[in-house]
Amino acid sequence: MLTYPCDITIKVFGVASPEFKAAVLQIIRQHRPDLSDEAVEARPSENGKYLALSITVHVDSKEEIDRIYQDLSTEKHVIMAL
């Protein structure tokens, strides 16, 4: 159970491309314009085909988290968001 406001880490997976990372960051920044570059960690897969982004964001409510995940789930470059 989370107590709001709080920081959470969102993990997003997709094919490694500039479009993937840009699309994910655009979605997150629509909800949290104050997102810093330091809050984003990128890790390529062993063969470099996929990219995993770990993004730590400050959220004020469960509804805000739900909206972020909803927007990520509709992005064509996103394979999975956890």
PDB file of N, CA and C in Angstrom:
ATOM      1  N   MET A   1       0.842  -1.181   0.000  1.00  0.00           N
ATOM      2  CA  MET A   1       0.000   0.000   0.000  1.00  0.00           C
ATOM      3  C   MET A   1       0.884   1.240   0.000  1.00  0.00           C
ATOM      4  N   LEU A   2       0.606   2.139  -0.900  1.00  0.00           N
ATOM      5  CA  LEU A   2       1.381   3.366  -1.013  1.00  0.00           C
ATOM      6  C   LEU A   2       0.689   4.504  -0.275  1.00  0.00           C
ATOM      7  N   THR A   3       1.492   5.386   0.253  1.00  0.00           N
ATOM      8  CA  THR A   3       0.986   6.603   0.876  1.00  0.00           C
ATOM      9  C   THR A   3       1.373   7.760  -0.039  1.00  0.00           C
ATOM     10  N   TYR A   4       0.383   8.526  -0.458  1.00  0.00           N
ATOM     11  CA  TYR A   4       0.613   9.606  -1.414  1.00  0.00           C
ATOM     12  C   TYR A   4       0.740  10.930  -0.700  1.00  0.00           C
ATOM     13  N   PRO A   5       1.527  11.831  -1.259  1.00  0.00           N
ATOM     14  CA  PRO A   5       2.370  11.705  -2.446  1.00  0.00           C
ATOM     15  C   PRO A   5       3.589  10.817  -2.172  1.00  0.00           C
ATOM     16  N   CYS A   6       4.154  10.253  -3.263  1.00  0.00           N
ATOM     17  CA  CYS A   6       5.323   9.392  -3.121  1.00  0.00           C
ATOM     18  C   CYS A   6       6.070   9.289  -4.444  1.00  0.00           C
ATOM     19  N   ASP A   7       7.273   8.729  -4.373  1.00  0.00           N
ATOM     20  CA  ASP A   7       8.057   8.447  -5.570  1.00  0.00           C
ATOM     21  C   ASP A   7       7.841   6.994  -5.950  1.00  0.00           C
ATOM     22  N   ILE A   8       7.663   6.739  -7.243  1.00  0.00           N
ATOM     23  CA  ILE A   8       7.563   5.373  -7.735  1.00  0.00           C
ATOM     24  C   ILE A   8       8.494   5.233  -8.939  1.00  0.00           C
ATOM     25  N   THR A   9       8.896   4.007  -9.216  1.00  0.00           N
ATOM     26  CA  THR A   9       9.705   3.737 -10.394  1.00  0.00           C
ATOM     27  C   THR A   9       8.856   2.967 -11.390  1.00  0.00           C
ATOM     28  N   ILE A  10       8.766   3.527 -12.581  1.00  0.00           N
ATOM     29  CA  ILE A  10       8.030   2.908 -13.672  1.00  0.00           C
ATOM     30  C   ILE A  10       9.054   2.285 -14.610  1.00  0.00           C
ATOM     31  N   LYS A  11       8.849   1.025 -14.966  1.00  0.00           N
ATOM     32  CA  LYS A  11       9.740   0.345 -15.894  1.00  0.00           C
ATOM     33  C   LYS A  11       9.003   0.172 -17.210  1.00  0.00           C
ATOM     34  N   VAL A  12       9.664   0.607 -18.291  1.00  0.00           N
ATOM     35  CA  VAL A  12       9.053   0.568 -19.614  1.00  0.00           C
ATOM     36  C   VAL A  12      10.027  -0.114 -20.574  1.00  0.00           C
ATOM     37  N   PHE A  13       9.498  -1.063 -21.365  1.00  0.00           N
ATOM     38  CA  PHE A  13      10.317  -1.840 -22.286  1.00  0.00           C
ATOM     39  C   PHE A  13       9.863  -1.614 -23.719  1.00  0.00           C
ATOM     40  N   GLY A  14      10.847  -1.541 -24.638  1.00  0.00           N
ATOM     41  CA  GLY A  14      10.535  -1.391 -26.055  1.00  0.00           C
ATOM     42  C   GLY A  14      11.745  -1.706 -26.895  1.00  0.00           C
ATOM     43  N   VAL A  15      11.556  -1.654 -28.211  1.00  0.00           N
ATOM     44  CA  VAL A  15      12.663  -1.848 -29.137  1.00  0.00           C
ATOM     45  C   VAL A  15      13.572  -0.627 -29.022  1.00  0.00           C
ATOM     46  N   ALA A  16      14.878  -0.876 -28.924  1.00  0.00           N
ATOM     47  CA  ALA A  16      15.837   0.215 -28.753  1.00  0.00           C
ATOM     48  C   ALA A  16      15.815   1.123 -29.981  1.00  0.00           C
ATOM     49  N   SER A  17      15.340   2.337 -29.788  1.00  0.00           N
ATOM     50  CA  SER A  17      15.314   3.340 -30.853  1.00  0.00           C
ATOM     51  C   SER A  17      15.150   4.709 -30.211  1.00  0.00           C
ATOM     52  N   PRO A  18      15.615   5.742 -30.897  1.00  0.00           N
ATOM     53  CA  PRO A  18      15.406   7.094 -30.353  1.00  0.00           C
ATOM     54  C   PRO A  18      13.911   7.417 -30.205  1.00  0.00           C
ATOM     55  N   GLU A  19      13.082   6.874 -31.093  1.00  0.00           N
ATOM     56  CA  GLU A  19      11.647   7.145 -31.037  1.00  0.00           C
ATOM     57  C   GLU A  19      11.014   6.569 -29.777  1.00  0.00           C
ATOM     58  N   PHE A  20      11.454   5.379 -29.368  1.00  0.00           N
ATOM     59  CA  PHE A  20      10.908   4.752 -28.166  1.00  0.00           C
ATOM     60  C   PHE A  20      11.163   5.616 -26.946  1.00  0.00           C
ATOM     61  N   LYS A  21      12.412   5.954 -26.716  1.00  0.00           N
ATOM     62  CA  LYS A  21      12.752   6.739 -25.524  1.00  0.00           C
ATOM     63  C   LYS A  21      12.064   8.103 -25.553  1.00  0.00           C
ATOM     64  N   ALA A  22      12.066   8.766 -26.711  1.00  0.00           N
ATOM     65  CA  ALA A  22      11.442  10.088 -26.825  1.00  0.00           C
ATOM     66  C   ALA A  22       9.942  10.018 -26.547  1.00  0.00           C
ATOM     67  N   ALA A  23       9.279   8.991 -27.068  1.00  0.00           N
ATOM     68  CA  ALA A  23       7.836   8.856 -26.866  1.00  0.00           C
ATOM     69  C   ALA A  23       7.507   8.626 -25.398  1.00  0.00           C
ATOM     70  N   VAL A  24       8.287   7.764 -24.739  1.00  0.00           N
ATOM     71  CA  VAL A  24       8.046   7.481 -23.318  1.00  0.00           C
ATOM     72  C   VAL A  24       8.256   8.737 -22.477  1.00  0.00           C
ATOM     73  N   LEU A  25       9.340   9.438 -22.716  1.00  0.00           N
ATOM     74  CA  LEU A  25       9.610  10.643 -21.927  1.00  0.00           C
ATOM     75  C   LEU A  25       8.571  11.725 -22.180  1.00  0.00           C
ATOM     76  N   GLN A  26       8.089  11.824 -23.401  1.00  0.00           N
ATOM     77  CA  GLN A  26       7.037  12.800 -23.695  1.00  0.00           C
ATOM     78  C   GLN A  26       5.774  12.485 -22.897  1.00  0.00           C
ATOM     79  N   ILE A  27       5.405  11.210 -22.838  1.00  0.00           N
ATOM     80  CA  ILE A  27       4.218  10.808 -22.072  1.00  0.00           C
ATOM     81  C   ILE A  27       4.397  11.126 -20.590  1.00  0.00           C
ATOM     82  N   ILE A  28       5.533  10.742 -20.038  1.00  0.00           N
ATOM     83  CA  ILE A  28       5.772  10.986 -18.612  1.00  0.00           C
ATOM     84  C   ILE A  28       5.762  12.491 -18.334  1.00  0.00           C
ATOM     85  N   ARG A  29       6.376  13.272 -19.202  1.00  0.00           N
ATOM     86  CA  ARG A  29       6.456  14.721 -18.971  1.00  0.00           C
ATOM     87  C   ARG A  29       5.108  15.417 -19.154  1.00  0.00           C
ATOM     88  N   GLN A  30       4.183  14.804 -19.861  1.00  0.00           N
ATOM     89  CA  GLN A  30       2.824  15.366 -19.934  1.00  0.00           C
ATOM     90  C   GLN A  30       2.184  15.354 -18.554  1.00  0.00           C
ATOM     91  N   HIS A  31       2.517  14.321 -17.775  1.00  0.00           N
ATOM     92  CA  HIS A  31       1.962  14.180 -16.433  1.00  0.00           C
ATOM     93  C   HIS A  31       2.852  14.839 -15.378  1.00  0.00           C
ATOM     94  N   ARG A  32       4.151  14.762 -15.577  1.00  0.00           N
ATOM     95  CA  ARG A  32       5.118  15.300 -14.610  1.00  0.00           C
ATOM     96  C   ARG A  32       6.143  16.144 -15.351  1.00  0.00           C
ATOM     97  N   PRO A  33       5.810  17.394 -15.670  1.00  0.00           N
ATOM     98  CA  PRO A  33       6.729  18.262 -16.415  1.00  0.00           C
ATOM     99  C   PRO A  33       8.059  18.499 -15.693  1.00  0.00           C
ATOM    100  N   ASP A  34       8.078  18.260 -14.394  1.00  0.00           N
ATOM    101  CA  ASP A  34       9.283  18.482 -13.598  1.00  0.00           C
ATOM    102  C   ASP A  34      10.248  17.297 -13.624  1.00  0.00           C
ATOM    103  N   LEU A  35       9.981  16.283 -14.456  1.00  0.00           N
ATOM    104  CA  LEU A  35      10.848  15.102 -14.530  1.00  0.00           C
ATOM    105  C   LEU A  35      12.261  15.509 -14.931  1.00  0.00           C
ATOM    106  N   SER A  36      13.236  15.097 -14.136  1.00  0.00           N
ATOM    107  CA  SER A  36      14.635  15.432 -14.432  1.00  0.00           C
ATOM    108  C   SER A  36      15.289  14.312 -15.233  1.00  0.00           C
ATOM    109  N   ASP A  37      16.351  14.642 -15.931  1.00  0.00           N
ATOM    110  CA  ASP A  37      17.098  13.636 -16.690  1.00  0.00           C
ATOM    111  C   ASP A  37      17.704  12.585 -15.765  1.00  0.00           C
ATOM    112  N   GLU A  38      18.036  12.972 -14.541  1.00  0.00           N
ATOM    113  CA  GLU A  38      18.626  12.044 -13.572  1.00  0.00           C
ATOM    114  C   GLU A  38      17.631  10.978 -13.116  1.00  0.00           C
ATOM    115  N   ALA A  39      16.354  11.213 -13.332  1.00  0.00           N
ATOM    116  CA  ALA A  39      15.318  10.270 -12.914  1.00  0.00           C
ATOM    117  C   ALA A  39      15.138   9.130 -13.908  1.00  0.00           C
ATOM    118  N   VAL A  40      15.865   9.185 -15.024  1.00  0.00           N
ATOM    119  CA  VAL A  40      15.712   8.199 -16.090  1.00  0.00           C
ATOM    120  C   VAL A  40      16.979   7.364 -16.209  1.00  0.00           C
ATOM    121  N   GLU A  41      16.801   6.050 -16.114  1.00  0.00           N
ATOM    122  CA  GLU A  41      17.915   5.122 -16.296  1.00  0.00           C
ATOM    123  C   GLU A  41      17.575   4.220 -17.476  1.00  0.00           C
ATOM    124  N   ALA A  42      18.503   4.116 -18.429  1.00  0.00           N
ATOM    125  CA  ALA A  42      18.291   3.283 -19.609  1.00  0.00           C
ATOM    126  C   ALA A  42      19.263   2.112 -19.574  1.00  0.00           C
ATOM    127  N   ARG A  43      18.720   0.928 -19.899  1.00  0.00           N
ATOM    128  CA  ARG A  43      19.567  -0.262 -19.911  1.00  0.00           C
ATOM    129  C   ARG A  43      19.215  -1.096 -21.143  1.00  0.00           C
ATOM    130  N   PRO A  44      20.178  -1.262 -22.069  1.00  0.00           N
ATOM    131  CA  PRO A  44      19.913  -2.073 -23.256  1.00  0.00           C
ATOM    132  C   PRO A  44      19.937  -3.562 -22.921  1.00  0.00           C
ATOM    133  N   SER A  45      19.241  -4.343 -23.746  1.00  0.00           N
ATOM    134  CA  SER A  45      19.289  -5.796 -23.582  1.00  0.00           C
ATOM    135  C   SER A  45      20.677  -6.297 -23.998  1.00  0.00           C
ATOM    136  N   GLU A  46      20.927  -7.554 -23.730  1.00  0.00           N
ATOM    137  CA  GLU A  46      22.247  -8.123 -24.001  1.00  0.00           C
ATOM    138  C   GLU A  46      22.643  -7.977 -25.471  1.00  0.00           C
ATOM    139  N   ASN A  47      21.695  -8.158 -26.369  1.00  0.00           N
ATOM    140  CA  ASN A  47      22.015  -8.038 -27.795  1.00  0.00           C
ATOM    141  C   ASN A  47      21.769  -6.634 -28.341  1.00  0.00           C
ATOM    142  N   GLY A  48      21.270  -5.736 -27.504  1.00  0.00           N
ATOM    143  CA  GLY A  48      21.057  -4.349 -27.901  1.00  0.00           C
ATOM    144  C   GLY A  48      19.778  -4.090 -28.668  1.00  0.00           C
ATOM    145  N   LYS A  49      18.955  -5.118 -28.872  1.00  0.00           N
ATOM    146  CA  LYS A  49      17.718  -4.943 -29.635  1.00  0.00           C
ATOM    147  C   LYS A  49      16.644  -4.203 -28.837  1.00  0.00           C
ATOM    148  N   TYR A  50      16.614  -4.421 -27.532  1.00  0.00           N
ATOM    149  CA  TYR A  50      15.587  -3.829 -26.670  1.00  0.00           C
ATOM    150  C   TYR A  50      16.205  -2.858 -25.672  1.00  0.00           C
ATOM    151  N   LEU A  51      15.361  -1.978 -25.169  1.00  0.00           N
ATOM    152  CA  LEU A  51      15.800  -1.005 -24.179  1.00  0.00           C
ATOM    153  C   LEU A  51      14.806  -1.014 -23.027  1.00  0.00           C
ATOM    154  N   ALA A  52      15.332  -1.033 -21.810  1.00  0.00           N
ATOM    155  CA  ALA A  52      14.511  -0.940 -20.605  1.00  0.00           C
ATOM    156  C   ALA A  52      14.759   0.424 -19.968  1.00  0.00           C
ATOM    157  N   LEU A  53      13.696   1.152 -19.734  1.00  0.00           N
ATOM    158  CA  LEU A  53      13.789   2.446 -19.061  1.00  0.00           C
ATOM    159  C   LEU A  53      13.214   2.307 -17.661  1.00  0.00           C
ATOM    160  N   SER A  54      13.950   2.778 -16.681  1.00  0.00           N
ATOM    161  CA  SER A  54      13.459   2.874 -15.304  1.00  0.00           C
ATOM    162  C   SER A  54      13.342   4.356 -15.002  1.00  0.00           C
ATOM    163  N   ILE A  55      12.125   4.800 -14.730  1.00  0.00           N
ATOM    164  CA  ILE A  55      11.857   6.224 -14.557  1.00  0.00           C
ATOM    165  C   ILE A  55      11.233   6.435 -13.185  1.00  0.00           C
ATOM    166  N   THR A  56      11.918   7.187 -12.355  1.00  0.00           N
ATOM    167  CA  THR A  56      11.404   7.485 -11.018  1.00  0.00           C
ATOM    168  C   THR A  56      10.642   8.809 -11.078  1.00  0.00           C
ATOM    169  N   VAL A  57       9.361   8.735 -10.717  1.00  0.00           N
ATOM    170  CA  VAL A  57       8.510   9.926 -10.760  1.00  0.00           C
ATOM    171  C   VAL A  57       7.835  10.149  -9.409  1.00  0.00           C
ATOM    172  N   HIS A  58       7.566  11.381  -9.135  1.00  0.00           N
ATOM    173  CA  HIS A  58       6.824  11.764  -7.929  1.00  0.00           C
ATOM    174  C   HIS A  58       5.358  11.855  -8.325  1.00  0.00           C
ATOM    175  N   VAL A  59       4.493  11.106  -7.647  1.00  0.00           N
ATOM    176  CA  VAL A  59       3.060  11.112  -7.962  1.00  0.00           C
ATOM    177  C   VAL A  59       2.258  11.535  -6.735  1.00  0.00           C
ATOM    178  N   ASP A  60       1.109  12.125  -7.029  1.00  0.00           N
ATOM    179  CA  ASP A  60       0.258  12.621  -5.958  1.00  0.00           C
ATOM    180  C   ASP A  60      -0.913  11.699  -5.626  1.00  0.00           C
ATOM    181  N   SER A  61      -1.210  10.748  -6.543  1.00  0.00           N
ATOM    182  CA  SER A  61      -2.367   9.886  -6.299  1.00  0.00           C
ATOM    183  C   SER A  61      -2.292   8.621  -7.150  1.00  0.00           C
ATOM    184  N   LYS A  62      -3.104   7.647  -6.781  1.00  0.00           N
ATOM    185  CA  LYS A  62      -3.217   6.417  -7.568  1.00  0.00           C
ATOM    186  C   LYS A  62      -3.788   6.737  -8.941  1.00  0.00           C
ATOM    187  N   GLU A  63      -4.698   7.668  -9.019  1.00  0.00           N
ATOM    188  CA  GLU A  63      -5.294   8.059 -10.287  1.00  0.00           C
ATOM    189  C   GLU A  63      -4.232   8.606 -11.254  1.00  0.00           C
ATOM    190  N   GLU A  64      -3.278   9.330 -10.713  1.00  0.00           N
ATOM    191  CA  GLU A  64      -2.201   9.854 -11.557  1.00  0.00           C
ATOM    192  C   GLU A  64      -1.365   8.710 -12.126  1.00  0.00           C
ATOM    193  N   ILE A  65      -1.045   7.733 -11.304  1.00  0.00           N
ATOM    194  CA  ILE A  65      -0.305   6.558 -11.771  1.00  0.00           C
ATOM    195  C   ILE A  65      -1.108   5.840 -12.854  1.00  0.00           C
ATOM    196  N   ASP A  66      -2.387   5.652 -12.615  1.00  0.00           N
ATOM    197  CA  ASP A  66      -3.246   4.972 -13.587  1.00  0.00           C
ATOM    198  C   ASP A  66      -3.256   5.696 -14.929  1.00  0.00           C
ATOM    199  N   ARG A  67      -3.319   7.021 -14.912  1.00  0.00           N
ATOM    200  CA  ARG A  67      -3.325   7.791 -16.157  1.00  0.00           C
ATOM    201  C   ARG A  67      -2.001   7.631 -16.906  1.00  0.00           C
ATOM    202  N   ILE A  68      -0.892   7.622 -16.173  1.00  0.00           N
ATOM    203  CA  ILE A  68       0.423   7.440 -16.806  1.00  0.00           C
ATOM    204  C   ILE A  68       0.487   6.068 -17.483  1.00  0.00           C
ATOM    205  N   TYR A  69       0.106   5.016 -16.760  1.00  0.00           N
ATOM    206  CA  TYR A  69       0.141   3.671 -17.339  1.00  0.00           C
ATOM    207  C   TYR A  69      -0.817   3.550 -18.524  1.00  0.00           C
ATOM    208  N   GLN A  70      -1.971   4.164 -18.443  1.00  0.00           N
ATOM    209  CA  GLN A  70      -2.920   4.133 -19.555  1.00  0.00           C
ATOM    210  C   GLN A  70      -2.305   4.758 -20.804  1.00  0.00           C
ATOM    211  N   ASP A  71      -1.681   5.907 -20.648  1.00  0.00           N
ATOM    212  CA  ASP A  71      -1.051   6.570 -21.787  1.00  0.00           C
ATOM    213  C   ASP A  71       0.112   5.748 -22.338  1.00  0.00           C
ATOM    214  N   LEU A  72       0.898   5.142 -21.459  1.00  0.00           N
ATOM    215  CA  LEU A  72       2.008   4.301 -21.920  1.00  0.00           C
ATOM    216  C   LEU A  72       1.486   3.087 -22.683  1.00  0.00           C
ATOM    217  N   SER A  73       0.373   2.517 -22.237  1.00  0.00           N
ATOM    218  CA  SER A  73      -0.157   1.305 -22.874  1.00  0.00           C
ATOM    219  C   SER A  73      -0.677   1.577 -24.284  1.00  0.00           C
ATOM    220  N   THR A  74      -0.991   2.813 -24.606  1.00  0.00           N
ATOM    221  CA  THR A  74      -1.485   3.139 -25.954  1.00  0.00           C
ATOM    222  C   THR A  74      -0.369   3.574 -26.897  1.00  0.00           C
ATOM    223  N   GLU A  75       0.842   3.712 -26.395  1.00  0.00           N
ATOM    224  CA  GLU A  75       1.981   4.134 -27.233  1.00  0.00           C
ATOM    225  C   GLU A  75       2.495   2.930 -28.022  1.00  0.00           C
ATOM    226  N   LYS A  76       2.580   3.071 -29.346  1.00  0.00           N
ATOM    227  CA  LYS A  76       2.950   1.950 -30.209  1.00  0.00           C
ATOM    228  C   LYS A  76       4.382   1.453 -30.004  1.00  0.00           C
ATOM    229  N   HIS A  77       5.276   2.291 -29.492  1.00  0.00           N
ATOM    230  CA  HIS A  77       6.662   1.883 -29.291  1.00  0.00           C
ATOM    231  C   HIS A  77       6.860   1.099 -27.976  1.00  0.00           C
ATOM    232  N   VAL A  78       5.873   1.130 -27.107  1.00  0.00           N
ATOM    233  CA  VAL A  78       5.997   0.470 -25.804  1.00  0.00           C
ATOM    234  C   VAL A  78       5.529  -0.986 -25.924  1.00  0.00           C
ATOM    235  N   ILE A  79       6.410  -1.916 -25.517  1.00  0.00           N
ATOM    236  CA  ILE A  79       6.056  -3.325 -25.480  1.00  0.00           C
ATOM    237  C   ILE A  79       5.367  -3.657 -24.162  1.00  0.00           C
ATOM    238  N   MET A  80       5.929  -3.120 -23.062  1.00  0.00           N
ATOM    239  CA  MET A  80       5.387  -3.430 -21.745  1.00  0.00           C
ATOM    240  C   MET A  80       5.774  -2.309 -20.769  1.00  0.00           C
ATOM    241  N   ALA A  81       4.880  -2.026 -19.837  1.00  0.00           N
ATOM    242  CA  ALA A  81       5.154  -1.067 -18.766  1.00  0.00           C
ATOM    243  C   ALA A  81       4.767  -1.709 -17.444  1.00  0.00           C
ATOM    244  N   LEU A  82       5.675  -1.641 -16.476  1.00  0.00           N
ATOM    245  CA  LEU A  82       5.437  -2.210 -15.152  1.00  0.00           C
ATOM    246  C   LEU A  82       5.577  -1.136 -14.089  1.00  0.00           C
TER     247      LEU A  82
END
